[in-house]
Amino acid sequence: MAYESFASFVAALERAGELTRVSEPLGTELEITEVADRQMKSPGGGKALLIEKPTVNGKVSPLPLAINTLGSARRMAMSLGAESVDAVAAELGSLMKAKPPTGFREAIKLLGTALDLRHAKPKSVKNGPCKEVMHRFVEGRASSVEGLATLLDLPIQKCWPEDGGRFITLPCVVTRDPDTGERNVGMYRMQIYDGQSTGMHWQLQKVAARHGRRYYETGQRMPVSVFLGGDPVFTFCATAPLPDGLDEYLLAGYLRKQSVELVKCETNDLEVPANADFVIEGYVDPKEPLRPEGPFGDHTGYYTLPEPYPVFHITAITHRRDAIYPATIVGMPPMEDFYIGSASVRLFLPIFKMNFPEIVDIALPAEGVFHNLVFVSIRKSYPMQAYKIMHGLWGMGQMMFTKYIVVVDDDVDIHNTSEVLFRLCANTDPQRDSIFTKGPADVLDHATSEIAIGTKLGIDATRKLAGEGFKRPWPPLIKMDEAVKAKVERLFGQIANRR
């Protein structure tokens, strides 16, 4: 289903018993983080929170703040308008199976075709709720009639004690390739420098950074627009590991079963969803020096230290009158991003399986802070097959950031970390069953000796075959006789009924 506003999604969460209202004033500086962190670390992700009176510098903001709205399996599925993420993945997989691809490049092309089967191409409209209140900035001065005047009026959080300032944590950042015109919607944190400028933390390997490099080469001012809120599927699509050139609005239209209505921005030619809650328009000037951004308490569980990044200058802010400010926090897992990342894996699993038919399942444990650790189960049929999978996954999009891949057999529940670790310890000889390789690393990874460059470790925890240098008989796994299990099951059932 399509949500016509972020407020309608929040209302749906409340009806489903997935939301708690907080009516007491709560500070955007650290206090909201502490409350939200406790919910995120509760069993199953806790509840979403609607902070009705967030305070900024001691003053109550007129704009409520919602956090942890995607922080459970159920809420993630609700954001996609489905009973479960697996149901959405199965539907997308069945569309793509209509014409099996012969390679990765064809699989990506077919994905775009499959999404378009919903007639989900975005469509342009003249106006929308995101423009109910408009503020333009002329030569550094705000021109507005009502509502907020600058970024400083938004309930933007300072999340952790050593953060360099307040950060927008769920911005959907819209950029365009100056050569092809293809747009991208990504998610890059934004540190508030003042009321009209922020940092733009698009990392080296991100699509927006590639767009930015072309503008820096030409010296032309780069238009950038940011939106927050609207249908929650927009937030998910901005984080989804789509291939460069595949429109996130197309994926959003497919998932919500309704085309995304786009409206042109007031001060640049970029388009944003008409039903967004907030739109922040502006530019990056290639002639301007980079500015230190950070520290920031990051999804790694550690602070990202200051690094130079572009400055985003604001030319306009528009918003709905009934806007709700969407936010999240990242830090030591488990956090809300675990459920977002897990949904991405489930949704794109059919694509992985098309390129690697032996794959049964893929999991990103919370302890791996998004993509550091990946578990893969396969149907193994020939020697060294696990290594084929490792190298293949490291070559696919954001999987290049994965530091550790553990491959197990198809009878292992990879969502049970204890079961995977048992196979890892029982089925491996460390020297024989491990491989080190080099490749790109996450810019946020503080453990690498050089920024964005690191090593990867693959571990083959599958049963070993003779062709893999194993010359001994492989022992059977201890399992109880099925008939005995059934008899005891009946017996214990009868005993329970006697109480």
Protein backbone atom coordinates (compact mmCIF):
# COMPACT_ATOMS: atom_id res chain seq x y z
CA MET A 1 0.00 0.00 0.00
CA ALA A 2 1.05 3.59 -0.50
CA TYR A 3 1.23 6.02 2.41
CA GLU A 4 0.25 9.53 1.45
CA SER A 5 2.29 11.07 4.24
CA PHE A 6 4.71 10.15 6.96
CA ALA A 7 1.95 11.04 9.43
CA SER A 8 -0.32 8.37 7.90
CA PHE A 9 2.42 5.76 8.42
CA VAL A 10 2.90 6.87 12.03
CA ALA A 11 -0.87 6.58 12.54
CA ALA A 12 -0.83 3.07 11.06
CA LEU A 13 1.96 2.09 13.47
CA GLU A 14 -0.10 3.38 16.38
CA ARG A 15 -3.19 1.43 15.30
CA ALA A 16 -1.05 -1.71 15.05
CA GLY A 17 0.31 -1.25 18.58
CA GLU A 18 3.79 -0.54 17.20
CA LEU A 19 4.17 3.03 18.48
CA THR A 20 4.55 4.75 21.84
CA ARG A 21 3.81 8.44 22.29
CA VAL A 22 6.14 10.45 24.52
CA SER A 23 4.28 13.55 25.74
CA GLU A 24 6.98 14.82 28.11
CA PRO A 25 9.46 17.36 26.70
CA LEU A 26 12.61 15.53 25.60
CA GLY A 27 15.86 17.16 24.50
CA THR A 28 17.15 16.69 20.97
CA GLU A 29 20.62 16.84 22.50
CA LEU A 30 21.38 13.31 23.77
CA GLU A 31 18.08 12.67 25.59
CA ILE A 32 16.10 11.37 22.60
CA THR A 33 19.05 9.14 21.72
CA GLU A 34 19.06 7.54 25.17
CA VAL A 35 15.32 6.78 25.04
CA ALA A 36 15.47 5.51 21.44
CA ASP A 37 18.57 3.39 22.08
CA ARG A 38 16.78 1.52 24.86
CA GLN A 39 13.88 0.75 22.53
CA MET A 40 16.14 -0.37 19.68
CA LYS A 41 17.97 -2.78 21.98
CA SER A 42 14.72 -4.23 23.34
CA PRO A 43 13.62 -7.69 22.10
CA GLY A 44 12.44 -7.48 18.50
CA GLY A 45 13.41 -3.81 18.20
CA GLY A 46 11.00 -2.38 20.76
CA LYS A 47 8.50 0.27 19.71
CA ALA A 48 8.57 3.25 17.40
CA LEU A 49 8.50 6.54 19.33
CA LEU A 50 6.62 9.74 18.58
CA ILE A 51 8.29 12.51 20.57
CA GLU A 52 5.50 15.07 20.74
CA LYS A 53 7.55 17.85 22.38
CA PRO A 54 11.18 17.65 21.30
CA THR A 55 13.16 20.55 22.70
CA VAL A 56 15.85 22.52 20.87
CA ASN A 57 18.09 24.54 23.19
CA GLY A 58 15.47 24.22 25.90
CA LYS A 59 12.56 25.40 23.73
CA VAL A 60 9.77 23.04 22.66
CA SER A 61 9.68 22.59 18.89
CA PRO A 62 6.28 22.85 17.18
CA LEU A 63 7.33 19.86 15.06
CA PRO A 64 7.04 16.35 16.54
CA LEU A 65 9.84 13.84 15.96
CA ALA A 66 9.40 10.14 15.10
CA ILE A 67 12.20 7.63 15.60
CA ASN A 68 12.69 3.85 15.30
CA THR A 69 9.78 3.68 12.86
CA LEU A 70 11.53 0.98 10.77
CA GLY A 71 13.19 -0.74 13.72
CA SER A 72 11.45 -4.12 13.73
CA ALA A 73 10.63 -6.84 11.23
CA ARG A 74 6.93 -6.00 11.45
CA ARG A 75 7.37 -2.24 11.05
CA MET A 76 9.77 -2.78 8.15
CA ALA A 77 7.15 -4.95 6.43
CA MET A 78 4.42 -2.37 7.14
CA SER A 79 6.55 0.33 5.50
CA LEU A 80 6.57 -1.83 2.36
CA GLY A 81 2.83 -2.41 2.58
CA ALA A 82 3.25 -6.16 3.06
CA GLU A 83 2.77 -8.91 5.61
CA SER A 84 6.49 -9.68 5.43
CA VAL A 85 9.60 -8.61 3.55
CA ASP A 86 9.95 -12.20 2.30
CA ALA A 87 6.57 -11.89 0.57
CA VAL A 88 7.78 -8.82 -1.33
CA ALA A 89 11.01 -10.59 -2.26
CA ALA A 90 9.13 -13.65 -3.50
CA GLU A 91 6.92 -11.49 -5.74
CA LEU A 92 9.90 -9.67 -7.23
CA GLY A 93 11.71 -12.96 -7.72
CA SER A 94 8.76 -14.47 -9.60
CA LEU A 95 8.68 -11.48 -11.96
CA MET A 96 12.35 -11.85 -12.78
CA LYS A 97 12.09 -15.60 -13.30
CA ALA A 98 9.87 -14.95 -16.32
CA LYS A 99 13.10 -14.64 -18.30
CA PRO A 100 16.14 -15.92 -16.41
CA PRO A 101 19.23 -13.74 -17.05
CA THR A 102 22.49 -15.15 -18.34
CA GLY A 103 24.75 -12.82 -16.35
CA PHE A 104 24.89 -10.07 -13.73
CA ARG A 105 24.57 -7.23 -16.23
CA GLU A 106 21.47 -8.82 -17.74
CA ALA A 107 20.06 -9.48 -14.27
CA ILE A 108 20.27 -5.76 -13.45
CA LYS A 109 18.61 -4.86 -16.74
CA LEU A 110 15.88 -7.40 -16.02
CA LEU A 111 15.40 -5.95 -12.54
CA GLY A 112 14.57 -2.59 -14.08
CA THR A 113 12.12 -4.27 -16.45
CA ALA A 114 10.49 -6.19 -13.61
CA LEU A 115 9.99 -3.03 -11.58
CA ASP A 116 8.45 -1.30 -14.57
CA LEU A 117 5.83 -4.06 -14.94
CA ARG A 118 3.87 -2.28 -12.22
CA HIS A 119 3.67 0.79 -14.47
CA ALA A 120 5.51 2.37 -11.56
CA LYS A 121 7.45 5.01 -13.44
CA PRO A 122 7.39 8.27 -11.45
CA LYS A 123 5.22 11.04 -12.80
CA SER A 124 5.61 14.79 -12.52
CA VAL A 125 2.95 16.97 -10.90
CA LYS A 126 2.75 20.74 -10.57
CA ASN A 127 2.41 20.97 -6.80
CA GLY A 128 2.19 18.94 -3.64
CA PRO A 129 1.86 19.03 0.15
CA CYS A 130 5.64 19.40 0.53
CA LYS A 131 5.21 23.01 -0.64
CA GLU A 132 2.47 24.08 1.76
CA VAL A 133 5.01 26.29 3.57
CA MET A 134 7.91 27.77 1.59
CA HIS A 135 11.04 29.63 2.62
CA ARG A 136 13.56 31.01 0.17
CA PHE A 137 16.99 32.29 1.13
CA VAL A 138 18.11 35.40 -0.73
CA GLU A 139 21.68 36.54 -0.12
CA GLY A 140 21.77 34.80 3.23
CA ARG A 141 18.38 36.06 4.44
CA ALA A 142 15.30 33.91 4.85
CA SER A 143 12.08 35.00 3.18
CA SER A 144 9.14 33.23 4.81
CA VAL A 145 5.67 33.93 6.07
CA GLU A 146 5.12 31.23 8.67
CA GLY A 147 6.70 28.23 10.40
CA LEU A 148 10.43 27.57 10.59
CA ALA A 149 12.96 30.07 9.33
CA THR A 150 16.21 28.08 9.14
CA LEU A 151 17.57 24.59 9.80
CA LEU A 152 18.12 25.59 13.41
CA ASP A 153 14.35 25.51 13.94
CA LEU A 154 14.11 21.81 13.07
CA PRO A 155 14.32 19.27 15.94
CA ILE A 156 17.63 17.92 14.64
CA GLN A 157 19.51 15.75 17.11
CA LYS A 158 22.93 15.79 18.61
CA CYS A 159 23.00 12.04 19.07
CA TRP A 160 26.12 11.21 21.12
CA PRO A 161 28.27 13.20 23.58
CA GLU A 162 31.32 13.63 21.32
CA ASP A 163 29.41 14.37 18.10
CA GLY A 164 30.64 17.47 16.29
CA GLY A 165 27.16 18.97 16.34
CA ARG A 166 23.61 18.23 15.29
CA PHE A 167 23.09 15.79 12.42
CA ILE A 168 20.23 15.06 10.05
CA THR A 169 20.20 11.26 10.11
CA LEU A 170 17.50 10.23 7.60
CA PRO A 171 18.02 12.61 4.66
CA CYS A 172 17.14 11.37 1.18
CA VAL A 173 19.70 13.19 -0.98
CA VAL A 174 18.85 13.77 -4.64
CA THR A 175 21.61 14.37 -7.20
CA ARG A 176 21.90 14.02 -10.96
CA ASP A 177 24.66 12.77 -13.26
CA PRO A 178 25.66 15.87 -15.29
CA ASP A 179 26.54 13.71 -18.31
CA THR A 180 23.63 11.25 -18.54
CA GLY A 181 20.96 13.08 -16.55
CA GLU A 182 20.35 9.95 -14.46
CA ARG A 183 19.33 10.79 -10.92
CA ASN A 184 20.24 9.13 -7.66
CA VAL A 185 18.59 9.13 -4.26
CA GLY A 186 21.06 8.25 -1.52
CA MET A 187 21.32 8.66 2.23
CA TYR A 188 24.29 10.60 3.59
CA ARG A 189 24.34 12.16 7.04
CA MET A 190 24.36 15.96 7.21
CA GLN A 191 26.09 17.90 9.98
CA ILE A 192 24.52 21.28 10.72
CA TYR A 193 27.11 24.06 10.45
CA ASP A 194 24.64 26.92 10.76
CA GLY A 195 21.08 27.77 9.77
CA GLN A 196 21.85 27.66 6.06
CA SER A 197 24.68 25.19 5.53
CA THR A 198 25.57 21.59 6.36
CA GLY A 199 28.20 19.01 5.61
CA MET A 200 27.43 16.51 2.86
CA HIS A 201 28.94 13.18 3.88
CA TRP A 202 28.82 11.29 0.60
CA GLN A 203 31.60 8.74 0.81
CA LEU A 204 34.17 7.93 -1.85
CA GLN A 205 32.35 4.95 -3.42
CA LYS A 206 28.83 6.43 -3.33
CA VAL A 207 26.97 7.45 -6.48
CA ALA A 208 26.49 11.06 -5.34
CA ALA A 209 30.25 11.33 -4.82
CA ARG A 210 30.75 10.20 -8.42
CA HIS A 211 28.27 12.85 -9.57
CA GLY A 212 30.13 15.39 -7.45
CA ARG A 213 33.50 14.56 -8.99
CA ARG A 214 32.17 15.45 -12.45
CA TYR A 215 31.00 18.84 -11.18
CA TYR A 216 34.37 19.41 -9.52
CA GLU A 217 36.06 18.64 -12.84
CA THR A 218 33.96 21.22 -14.66
CA GLY A 219 33.82 23.78 -11.84
CA GLN A 220 30.05 24.11 -12.20
CA ARG A 221 27.83 24.57 -9.16
CA MET A 222 26.16 21.24 -8.30
CA PRO A 223 22.42 21.28 -7.55
CA VAL A 224 21.41 19.11 -4.59
CA SER A 225 18.04 18.60 -2.94
CA VAL A 226 17.21 16.71 0.23
CA PHE A 227 13.83 15.45 1.38
CA LEU A 228 12.65 13.87 4.59
CA GLY A 229 9.51 11.92 5.37
CA GLY A 230 6.65 11.18 3.04
CA ASP A 231 6.00 7.53 2.30
CA PRO A 232 8.46 5.51 4.46
CA VAL A 233 9.36 3.41 1.42
CA PHE A 234 11.41 6.40 0.21
CA THR A 235 13.73 6.05 3.18
CA PHE A 236 14.21 2.36 2.48
CA CYS A 237 14.89 2.92 -1.22
CA ALA A 238 17.48 5.61 -0.47
CA THR A 239 19.45 3.02 1.53
CA ALA A 240 18.87 0.07 -0.84
CA PRO A 241 21.98 -1.19 -2.69
CA LEU A 242 20.63 -0.47 -6.17
CA PRO A 243 23.05 -0.54 -9.10
CA ASP A 244 24.25 2.83 -10.36
CA GLY A 245 21.73 4.18 -12.87
CA LEU A 246 18.65 2.30 -11.59
CA ASP A 247 16.13 4.90 -10.37
CA GLU A 248 15.21 4.64 -6.67
CA TYR A 249 11.85 6.25 -7.45
CA LEU A 250 11.12 3.32 -9.77
CA LEU A 251 11.77 0.84 -6.96
CA ALA A 252 9.62 2.95 -4.63
CA GLY A 253 6.76 2.97 -7.11
CA TYR A 254 6.96 -0.80 -7.46
CA LEU A 255 6.98 -1.41 -3.73
CA ARG A 256 4.11 0.97 -2.95
CA LYS A 257 2.13 -0.27 -5.99
CA GLN A 258 1.62 3.31 -7.07
CA SER A 259 3.73 5.73 -9.08
CA VAL A 260 5.69 8.29 -7.11
CA GLU A 261 4.42 11.79 -7.80
CA LEU A 262 7.35 14.16 -8.20
CA VAL A 263 7.38 17.93 -7.97
CA LYS A 264 10.09 20.23 -9.24
CA CYS A 265 12.06 22.11 -6.60
CA GLU A 266 11.76 25.88 -6.24
CA THR A 267 15.43 26.84 -6.69
CA ASN A 268 16.85 24.03 -8.84
CA ASP A 269 15.64 21.56 -11.46
CA LEU A 270 15.72 18.43 -9.29
CA GLU A 271 12.51 16.59 -8.45
CA VAL A 272 11.36 15.32 -5.05
CA PRO A 273 8.26 13.41 -3.87
CA ALA A 274 5.26 15.70 -3.68
CA ASN A 275 4.14 14.14 -0.40
CA ALA A 276 7.47 14.58 1.43
CA ASP A 277 7.37 16.25 4.84
CA PHE A 278 10.42 18.47 4.36
CA VAL A 279 12.46 19.54 1.31
CA ILE A 280 15.82 21.27 1.67
CA GLU A 281 17.13 22.71 -1.59
CA GLY A 282 20.59 23.97 -2.33
CA TYR A 283 23.95 23.42 -3.98
CA VAL A 284 27.55 22.37 -3.54
CA ASP A 285 30.16 24.80 -4.89
CA PRO A 286 33.18 22.98 -6.41
CA LYS A 287 35.26 26.15 -6.08
CA GLU A 288 34.83 26.14 -2.32
CA PRO A 289 37.31 24.24 -0.12
CA LEU A 290 36.13 21.14 1.71
CA ARG A 291 35.27 21.53 5.37
CA PRO A 292 35.92 19.20 8.34
CA GLU A 293 32.86 17.08 9.15
CA GLY A 294 32.43 15.06 12.36
CA PRO A 295 33.07 13.46 14.79
CA PHE A 296 29.91 11.37 14.55
CA GLY A 297 28.82 8.36 16.60
CA ASP A 298 28.46 5.91 13.72
CA HIS A 299 26.94 2.52 12.89
CA THR A 300 30.32 0.94 13.56
CA GLY A 301 29.74 1.50 17.28
CA TYR A 302 32.64 3.98 17.31
CA TYR A 303 32.95 7.64 16.45
CA THR A 304 33.89 8.54 12.90
CA LEU A 305 36.66 11.09 13.28
CA PRO A 306 36.63 14.42 11.38
CA GLU A 307 37.35 14.28 7.64
CA PRO A 308 36.95 16.93 4.90
CA TYR A 309 33.67 16.88 2.95
CA PRO A 310 31.72 19.26 0.68
CA VAL A 311 29.54 22.01 2.13
CA PHE A 312 25.85 22.04 1.21
CA HIS A 313 24.44 25.58 0.93
CA ILE A 314 20.68 25.98 1.35
CA THR A 315 18.60 28.08 -1.03
CA ALA A 316 15.12 27.05 0.12
CA ILE A 317 13.22 24.96 2.67
CA THR A 318 9.65 23.83 2.09
CA HIS A 319 7.47 21.60 4.25
CA ARG A 320 4.00 20.34 5.06
CA ARG A 321 1.99 22.16 7.70
CA ASP A 322 1.43 18.87 9.54
CA ALA A 323 5.03 17.71 9.10
CA ILE A 324 6.64 15.11 11.37
CA TYR A 325 10.43 15.10 11.52
CA PRO A 326 11.80 11.57 10.86
CA ALA A 327 14.99 10.56 12.63
CA THR A 328 17.15 7.63 13.57
CA ILE A 329 20.33 6.99 15.51
CA VAL A 330 23.22 4.64 14.82
CA GLY A 331 25.71 3.16 17.23
CA MET A 332 26.61 -0.09 18.90
CA PRO A 333 24.28 -2.79 17.54
CA PRO A 334 21.54 -3.80 17.46
CA MET A 335 20.00 -0.59 16.11
CA GLU A 336 17.24 0.36 13.68
CA ASP A 337 19.57 0.04 10.69
CA PHE A 338 19.83 -3.72 11.31
CA TYR A 339 16.20 -4.16 10.21
CA ILE A 340 16.64 -1.85 7.21
CA GLY A 341 19.75 -3.73 6.09
CA SER A 342 18.10 -7.11 6.61
CA ALA A 343 15.17 -6.03 4.46
CA SER A 344 17.57 -5.06 1.65
CA VAL A 345 19.19 -8.49 1.78
CA ARG A 346 15.82 -10.27 1.68
CA LEU A 347 14.55 -8.13 -1.18
CA PHE A 348 17.62 -8.60 -3.37
CA LEU A 349 18.22 -12.25 -2.50
CA PRO A 350 16.46 -13.37 -5.73
CA ILE A 351 19.08 -11.44 -7.73
CA PHE A 352 21.92 -13.09 -5.83
CA LYS A 353 20.32 -16.50 -6.46
CA MET A 354 19.99 -15.84 -10.17
CA ASN A 355 23.71 -15.23 -10.45
CA PHE A 356 24.62 -17.94 -7.93
CA PRO A 357 21.92 -20.65 -8.04
CA GLU A 358 23.63 -22.65 -5.28
CA ILE A 359 22.92 -19.91 -2.71
CA VAL A 360 20.16 -20.87 -0.28
CA ASP A 361 20.17 -17.85 2.03
CA ILE A 362 22.19 -14.82 3.11
CA ALA A 363 22.23 -13.12 6.51
CA LEU A 364 23.87 -10.00 7.92
CA PRO A 365 24.12 -10.52 11.69
CA ALA A 366 23.57 -7.42 13.83
CA GLU A 367 27.04 -7.81 15.29
CA GLY A 368 28.49 -7.18 11.83
CA VAL A 369 27.19 -3.58 11.90
CA PHE A 370 25.42 -3.75 8.55
CA HIS A 371 27.89 -5.40 6.16
CA ASN A 372 31.11 -6.31 7.98
CA LEU A 373 30.01 -9.92 8.49
CA VAL A 374 28.00 -12.01 6.03
CA PHE A 375 26.78 -15.60 6.46
CA VAL A 376 25.92 -17.55 3.29
CA SER A 377 24.44 -21.04 3.01
CA ILE A 378 24.89 -23.00 -0.24
CA ARG A 379 24.05 -26.35 -1.83
CA LYS A 380 27.57 -27.55 -2.37
CA SER A 381 28.20 -29.94 -5.26
CA TYR A 382 31.86 -29.52 -6.26
CA PRO A 383 35.24 -28.61 -4.71
CA MET A 384 36.07 -24.96 -3.97
CA GLN A 385 32.48 -23.86 -4.58
CA ALA A 386 32.49 -21.84 -1.35
CA TYR A 387 35.39 -19.75 -2.67
CA LYS A 388 33.54 -19.06 -5.89
CA ILE A 389 30.70 -17.61 -3.79
CA MET A 390 33.04 -15.47 -1.69
CA HIS A 391 34.71 -13.87 -4.71
CA GLY A 392 31.38 -13.43 -6.48
CA LEU A 393 29.77 -11.63 -3.55
CA TRP A 394 32.77 -9.35 -3.00
CA GLY A 395 32.29 -8.22 -6.59
CA MET A 396 28.63 -7.21 -6.20
CA GLY A 397 27.88 -3.60 -5.27
CA GLN A 398 28.12 -2.73 -1.60
CA MET A 399 29.13 -6.31 -0.76
CA MET A 400 32.62 -5.05 -1.63
CA PHE A 401 32.70 -3.60 1.90
CA THR A 402 32.18 -6.98 3.58
CA LYS A 403 35.18 -7.87 5.73
CA TYR A 404 34.21 -11.43 6.65
CA ILE A 405 32.22 -14.01 4.66
CA VAL A 406 31.42 -17.37 6.24
CA VAL A 407 30.01 -20.04 3.90
CA VAL A 408 28.09 -23.01 5.37
CA ASP A 409 26.01 -25.89 4.03
CA ASP A 410 22.34 -25.66 3.15
CA ASP A 411 21.14 -27.41 6.33
CA VAL A 412 22.37 -24.54 8.53
CA ASP A 413 20.00 -21.81 9.74
CA ILE A 414 22.20 -18.80 9.06
CA HIS A 415 19.86 -16.53 11.02
CA ASN A 416 20.93 -18.46 14.12
CA THR A 417 24.41 -17.09 14.80
CA SER A 418 25.09 -19.79 17.37
CA GLU A 419 24.47 -22.49 14.77
CA VAL A 420 26.80 -20.82 12.27
CA LEU A 421 29.56 -20.43 14.85
CA PHE A 422 29.21 -24.12 15.77
CA ARG A 423 29.80 -25.11 12.12
CA LEU A 424 32.62 -22.58 11.83
CA CYS A 425 34.45 -24.09 14.79
CA ALA A 426 33.64 -27.72 13.97
CA ASN A 427 34.12 -27.82 10.19
CA THR A 428 37.26 -25.79 9.56
CA ASP A 429 40.99 -26.12 9.65
CA PRO A 430 42.05 -22.44 9.87
CA GLN A 431 44.90 -22.54 7.36
CA ARG A 432 43.24 -24.83 4.82
CA ASP A 433 39.77 -23.26 4.92
CA SER A 434 40.55 -19.52 4.97
CA ILE A 435 41.44 -17.02 2.28
CA PHE A 436 42.67 -13.44 2.54
CA THR A 437 42.20 -10.94 -0.26
CA LYS A 438 42.38 -7.17 -0.77
CA GLY A 439 39.75 -4.71 -1.90
CA PRO A 440 37.80 -1.52 -1.20
CA ALA A 441 36.82 -0.87 2.42
CA ASP A 442 34.10 1.17 4.04
CA VAL A 443 35.28 4.76 4.50
CA LEU A 444 33.79 4.58 8.00
CA ASP A 445 35.92 1.58 8.98
CA HIS A 446 38.41 2.92 11.54
CA ALA A 447 40.36 -0.36 11.72
CA THR A 448 41.92 -0.24 8.23
CA SER A 449 45.46 1.12 7.92
CA GLU A 450 44.39 3.35 5.01
CA ILE A 451 41.03 4.97 4.39
CA ALA A 452 38.83 2.98 1.99
CA ILE A 453 41.44 0.21 1.48
CA GLY A 454 41.44 -3.06 3.39
CA THR A 455 41.59 -6.83 3.44
CA LYS A 456 38.85 -9.45 3.51
CA LEU A 457 38.69 -12.88 5.10
CA GLY A 458 36.63 -15.73 3.67
CA ILE A 459 36.02 -18.93 5.65
CA ASP A 460 34.75 -22.17 4.13
CA ALA A 461 32.76 -23.87 6.91
CA THR A 462 31.09 -26.39 4.60
CA ARG A 463 31.64 -30.17 4.64
CA LYS A 464 34.94 -30.88 2.90
CA LEU A 465 35.27 -32.90 -0.29
CA ALA A 466 38.20 -35.01 -1.41
CA GLY A 467 39.12 -32.48 -4.08
CA GLU A 468 39.67 -29.87 -1.39
CA GLY A 469 42.65 -31.66 0.14
CA PHE A 470 40.59 -33.56 2.70
CA LYS A 471 41.59 -37.24 2.79
CA ARG A 472 39.70 -38.50 5.85
CA PRO A 473 36.09 -39.72 6.13
CA TRP A 474 33.67 -36.91 7.04
CA PRO A 475 31.70 -37.86 10.17
CA PRO A 476 27.91 -37.64 10.35
CA LEU A 477 26.27 -34.94 12.44
CA ILE A 478 24.66 -36.25 15.63
CA LYS A 479 20.88 -36.48 15.16
CA MET A 480 18.17 -38.37 17.02
CA ASP A 481 16.10 -41.02 15.28
CA GLU A 482 12.94 -39.42 13.89
CA ALA A 483 10.65 -42.18 15.19
CA VAL A 484 12.01 -41.75 18.71
CA LYS A 485 11.60 -38.00 18.48
CA ALA A 486 7.96 -38.41 17.42
CA LYS A 487 7.25 -40.87 20.25
CA VAL A 488 8.78 -38.59 22.88
CA GLU A 489 6.90 -35.65 21.42
CA ARG A 490 3.62 -37.52 21.88
CA LEU A 491 4.62 -38.63 25.39
CA PHE A 492 5.53 -35.15 26.57
CA GLY A 493 2.33 -33.83 25.02
CA GLN A 494 0.30 -36.28 27.09
CA ILE A 495 2.21 -35.39 30.25
CA ALA A 496 1.59 -31.68 29.66
CA ASN A 497 -2.13 -32.33 29.28
CA ARG A 498 -2.27 -33.95 32.73
CA ARG A 499 -1.48 -30.70 34.51
